[in-house]
Amino acid sequence: MTAEQIKNMIAAGLDCAHLELEGDGRHWYAIVVSAAFEGKRAIQCHQLVYATLGDKMKNDEVHALSIKTYTPAEWATQKV
């Protein structure tokens, strides 16, 4: 899968205030900012992102995805 395809899937399944994705075609690194993460633990946020990819993780179309998740308020403090 391409970076654009993965970004589109995440954005289609999750209302993102900010989304970055980098990778080499097998290993991907994402920064996802969404109000949907409010009040959730990190694992719950990651599960929300993984859910947007459906079976792509299970059937190895996306081999590895490292995710950093932030609420909009948390992201605002990261950009200092």
N, C-alpha and C. Protein backbone atom coordinates (compact mmCIF):
# COMPACT_ATOMS: atom_id res chain seq x y z
N MET A 1 0.83 -1.18 0.00
CA MET A 1 0.00 0.00 0.00
C MET A 1 0.88 1.25 0.00
N THR A 2 0.35 2.31 -0.54
CA THR A 2 1.09 3.57 -0.56
C THR A 2 0.73 4.40 0.67
N ALA A 3 1.57 5.38 0.95
CA ALA A 3 1.30 6.28 2.07
C ALA A 3 -0.03 6.99 1.88
N GLU A 4 -0.31 7.40 0.66
CA GLU A 4 -1.56 8.12 0.38
C GLU A 4 -2.77 7.23 0.64
N GLN A 5 -2.70 5.97 0.27
CA GLN A 5 -3.81 5.04 0.50
C GLN A 5 -4.05 4.86 2.01
N ILE A 6 -2.98 4.69 2.76
CA ILE A 6 -3.12 4.51 4.21
C ILE A 6 -3.67 5.77 4.85
N LYS A 7 -3.14 6.93 4.47
CA LYS A 7 -3.65 8.20 5.01
C LYS A 7 -5.13 8.36 4.71
N ASN A 8 -5.53 8.04 3.49
CA ASN A 8 -6.93 8.17 3.11
C ASN A 8 -7.82 7.25 3.93
N MET A 9 -7.36 6.05 4.20
CA MET A 9 -8.16 5.12 5.01
C MET A 9 -8.30 5.62 6.44
N ILE A 10 -7.21 6.10 7.02
CA ILE A 10 -7.27 6.62 8.39
C ILE A 10 -8.20 7.83 8.43
N ALA A 11 -8.03 8.75 7.50
CA ALA A 11 -8.85 9.97 7.46
C ALA A 11 -10.32 9.67 7.21
N ALA A 12 -10.61 8.64 6.44
CA ALA A 12 -12.00 8.27 6.15
C ALA A 12 -12.69 7.67 7.38
N GLY A 13 -11.92 7.01 8.23
CA GLY A 13 -12.50 6.34 9.38
C GLY A 13 -12.41 7.09 10.68
N LEU A 14 -11.67 8.20 10.69
CA LEU A 14 -11.42 8.92 11.92
C LEU A 14 -11.30 10.41 11.60
N ASP A 15 -12.03 11.23 12.32
CA ASP A 15 -11.98 12.67 12.09
C ASP A 15 -10.65 13.19 12.64
N CYS A 16 -9.72 13.47 11.74
CA CYS A 16 -8.37 13.88 12.13
C CYS A 16 -8.19 15.38 11.99
N ALA A 17 -7.67 15.99 13.05
CA ALA A 17 -7.30 17.40 12.98
C ALA A 17 -5.93 17.54 12.31
N HIS A 18 -5.14 16.48 12.39
CA HIS A 18 -3.79 16.46 11.79
C HIS A 18 -3.42 15.01 11.58
N LEU A 19 -2.76 14.73 10.45
CA LEU A 19 -2.35 13.37 10.14
C LEU A 19 -1.06 13.40 9.33
N GLU A 20 -0.04 12.74 9.85
CA GLU A 20 1.23 12.60 9.14
C GLU A 20 1.53 11.11 9.02
N LEU A 21 2.11 10.73 7.91
CA LEU A 21 2.48 9.33 7.71
C LEU A 21 3.75 9.27 6.88
N GLU A 22 4.70 8.51 7.39
CA GLU A 22 5.96 8.27 6.68
C GLU A 22 6.26 6.79 6.73
N GLY A 23 7.01 6.32 5.77
CA GLY A 23 7.39 4.93 5.80
C GLY A 23 8.11 4.50 4.55
N ASP A 24 8.46 3.21 4.53
CA ASP A 24 9.24 2.66 3.44
C ASP A 24 8.45 1.65 2.61
N GLY A 25 7.15 1.61 2.81
CA GLY A 25 6.33 0.64 2.09
C GLY A 25 5.99 -0.58 2.91
N ARG A 26 6.73 -0.84 3.95
CA ARG A 26 6.46 -1.96 4.87
C ARG A 26 6.29 -1.48 6.30
N HIS A 27 7.13 -0.55 6.71
CA HIS A 27 7.12 -0.02 8.07
C HIS A 27 6.67 1.43 8.02
N TRP A 28 5.61 1.74 8.75
CA TRP A 28 5.00 3.06 8.70
C TRP A 28 5.02 3.72 10.07
N TYR A 29 5.10 5.04 10.06
CA TYR A 29 5.13 5.85 11.28
C TYR A 29 4.08 6.94 11.11
N ALA A 30 3.11 6.97 12.03
CA ALA A 30 2.00 7.92 11.91
C ALA A 30 1.89 8.80 13.14
N ILE A 31 1.52 10.04 12.89
CA ILE A 31 1.09 10.96 13.94
C ILE A 31 -0.36 11.28 13.61
N VAL A 32 -1.24 10.97 14.57
CA VAL A 32 -2.67 11.18 14.35
C VAL A 32 -3.21 12.05 15.49
N VAL A 33 -3.85 13.13 15.11
CA VAL A 33 -4.45 14.05 16.08
C VAL A 33 -5.96 14.04 15.85
N SER A 34 -6.70 13.70 16.90
CA SER A 34 -8.15 13.62 16.77
C SER A 34 -8.83 13.89 18.11
N ALA A 35 -9.95 14.59 18.05
CA ALA A 35 -10.76 14.81 19.25
C ALA A 35 -11.37 13.49 19.74
N ALA A 36 -11.42 12.50 18.87
CA ALA A 36 -11.95 11.18 19.25
C ALA A 36 -11.10 10.51 20.33
N PHE A 37 -9.88 11.00 20.53
CA PHE A 37 -8.98 10.42 21.52
C PHE A 37 -9.21 10.98 22.93
N GLU A 38 -10.04 11.99 23.04
CA GLU A 38 -10.31 12.62 24.35
C GLU A 38 -10.76 11.57 25.36
N GLY A 39 -10.11 11.54 26.51
CA GLY A 39 -10.50 10.65 27.60
C GLY A 39 -10.13 9.18 27.41
N LYS A 40 -9.39 8.87 26.37
CA LYS A 40 -9.03 7.48 26.10
C LYS A 40 -7.56 7.23 26.43
N ARG A 41 -7.28 5.99 26.82
CA ARG A 41 -5.90 5.58 27.05
C ARG A 41 -5.21 5.36 25.71
N ALA A 42 -3.90 5.35 25.71
CA ALA A 42 -3.12 5.22 24.47
C ALA A 42 -3.53 3.98 23.67
N ILE A 43 -3.71 2.85 24.34
CA ILE A 43 -4.07 1.62 23.62
C ILE A 43 -5.43 1.77 22.93
N GLN A 44 -6.35 2.47 23.57
CA GLN A 44 -7.66 2.68 22.96
C GLN A 44 -7.55 3.57 21.72
N CYS A 45 -6.69 4.58 21.79
CA CYS A 45 -6.46 5.46 20.64
C CYS A 45 -5.86 4.68 19.49
N HIS A 46 -4.89 3.84 19.79
CA HIS A 46 -4.25 3.03 18.75
C HIS A 46 -5.26 2.08 18.12
N GLN A 47 -6.12 1.50 18.94
CA GLN A 47 -7.14 0.59 18.41
C GLN A 47 -8.08 1.31 17.45
N LEU A 48 -8.40 2.57 17.75
CA LEU A 48 -9.25 3.36 16.85
C LEU A 48 -8.56 3.54 15.49
N VAL A 49 -7.26 3.80 15.52
CA VAL A 49 -6.52 3.98 14.27
C VAL A 49 -6.45 2.65 13.52
N TYR A 50 -6.10 1.57 14.21
CA TYR A 50 -6.01 0.26 13.57
C TYR A 50 -7.34 -0.13 12.94
N ALA A 51 -8.45 0.21 13.59
CA ALA A 51 -9.78 -0.14 13.08
C ALA A 51 -10.04 0.49 11.72
N THR A 52 -9.45 1.66 11.46
CA THR A 52 -9.66 2.31 10.16
C THR A 52 -9.01 1.54 9.02
N LEU A 53 -8.03 0.71 9.34
CA LEU A 53 -7.31 -0.06 8.32
C LEU A 53 -7.94 -1.41 8.04
N GLY A 54 -8.95 -1.77 8.84
CA GLY A 54 -9.64 -3.03 8.61
C GLY A 54 -8.69 -4.22 8.59
N ASP A 55 -8.81 -5.03 7.55
CA ASP A 55 -8.00 -6.25 7.43
C ASP A 55 -6.61 -6.00 6.86
N LYS A 56 -6.29 -4.77 6.53
CA LYS A 56 -4.99 -4.48 5.92
C LYS A 56 -3.82 -4.85 6.84
N MET A 57 -4.02 -4.73 8.15
CA MET A 57 -2.97 -5.14 9.10
C MET A 57 -2.93 -6.67 9.21
N LYS A 58 -4.10 -7.30 9.24
CA LYS A 58 -4.17 -8.74 9.41
C LYS A 58 -3.60 -9.50 8.23
N ASN A 59 -3.84 -9.00 7.01
CA ASN A 59 -3.36 -9.73 5.84
C ASN A 59 -2.01 -9.21 5.35
N ASP A 60 -1.35 -8.41 6.18
CA ASP A 60 0.03 -7.96 5.95
C ASP A 60 0.19 -6.95 4.81
N GLU A 61 -0.91 -6.32 4.37
CA GLU A 61 -0.76 -5.24 3.39
C GLU A 61 -0.09 -4.04 4.06
N VAL A 62 -0.35 -3.89 5.35
CA VAL A 62 0.37 -2.92 6.19
C VAL A 62 1.11 -3.77 7.21
N HIS A 63 2.40 -3.92 7.02
CA HIS A 63 3.18 -4.84 7.85
C HIS A 63 3.35 -4.31 9.28
N ALA A 64 3.75 -3.05 9.41
CA ALA A 64 4.00 -2.48 10.74
C ALA A 64 3.60 -1.01 10.73
N LEU A 65 2.92 -0.60 11.79
CA LEU A 65 2.50 0.79 11.92
C LEU A 65 2.77 1.26 13.35
N SER A 66 3.68 2.19 13.47
CA SER A 66 3.98 2.81 14.75
C SER A 66 3.16 4.10 14.82
N ILE A 67 2.41 4.27 15.90
CA ILE A 67 1.48 5.39 15.97
C ILE A 67 1.75 6.25 17.20
N LYS A 68 1.72 7.56 16.99
CA LYS A 68 1.68 8.52 18.09
C LYS A 68 0.35 9.24 17.97
N THR A 69 -0.44 9.16 19.02
CA THR A 69 -1.77 9.77 18.99
C THR A 69 -1.83 10.93 19.98
N TYR A 70 -2.55 11.97 19.57
CA TYR A 70 -2.71 13.16 20.41
C TYR A 70 -4.13 13.69 20.26
N THR A 71 -4.64 14.27 21.33
CA THR A 71 -5.84 15.09 21.21
C THR A 71 -5.39 16.43 20.65
N PRO A 72 -6.32 17.25 20.14
CA PRO A 72 -5.91 18.56 19.66
C PRO A 72 -5.18 19.39 20.73
N ALA A 73 -5.63 19.31 21.97
CA ALA A 73 -4.97 20.06 23.05
C ALA A 73 -3.56 19.56 23.30
N GLU A 74 -3.38 18.25 23.30
CA GLU A 74 -2.05 17.67 23.48
C GLU A 74 -1.14 18.05 22.31
N TRP A 75 -1.67 18.02 21.10
CA TRP A 75 -0.88 18.37 19.92
C TRP A 75 -0.42 19.82 19.98
N ALA A 76 -1.28 20.71 20.48
CA ALA A 76 -0.94 22.13 20.59
C ALA A 76 0.30 22.32 21.47
N THR A 77 0.45 21.49 22.49
CA THR A 77 1.61 21.61 23.37
C THR A 77 2.87 21.02 22.73
N GLN A 78 2.70 20.12 21.75
CA GLN A 78 3.84 19.50 21.06
C GLN A 78 4.49 20.45 20.07
N LYS A 79 3.74 21.43 19.63
CA LYS A 79 4.23 22.32 18.57
C LYS A 79 4.89 23.57 19.10
N VAL A 80 5.28 23.56 20.37
CA VAL A 80 5.91 24.74 20.99
C VAL A 80 7.29 24.96 20.43
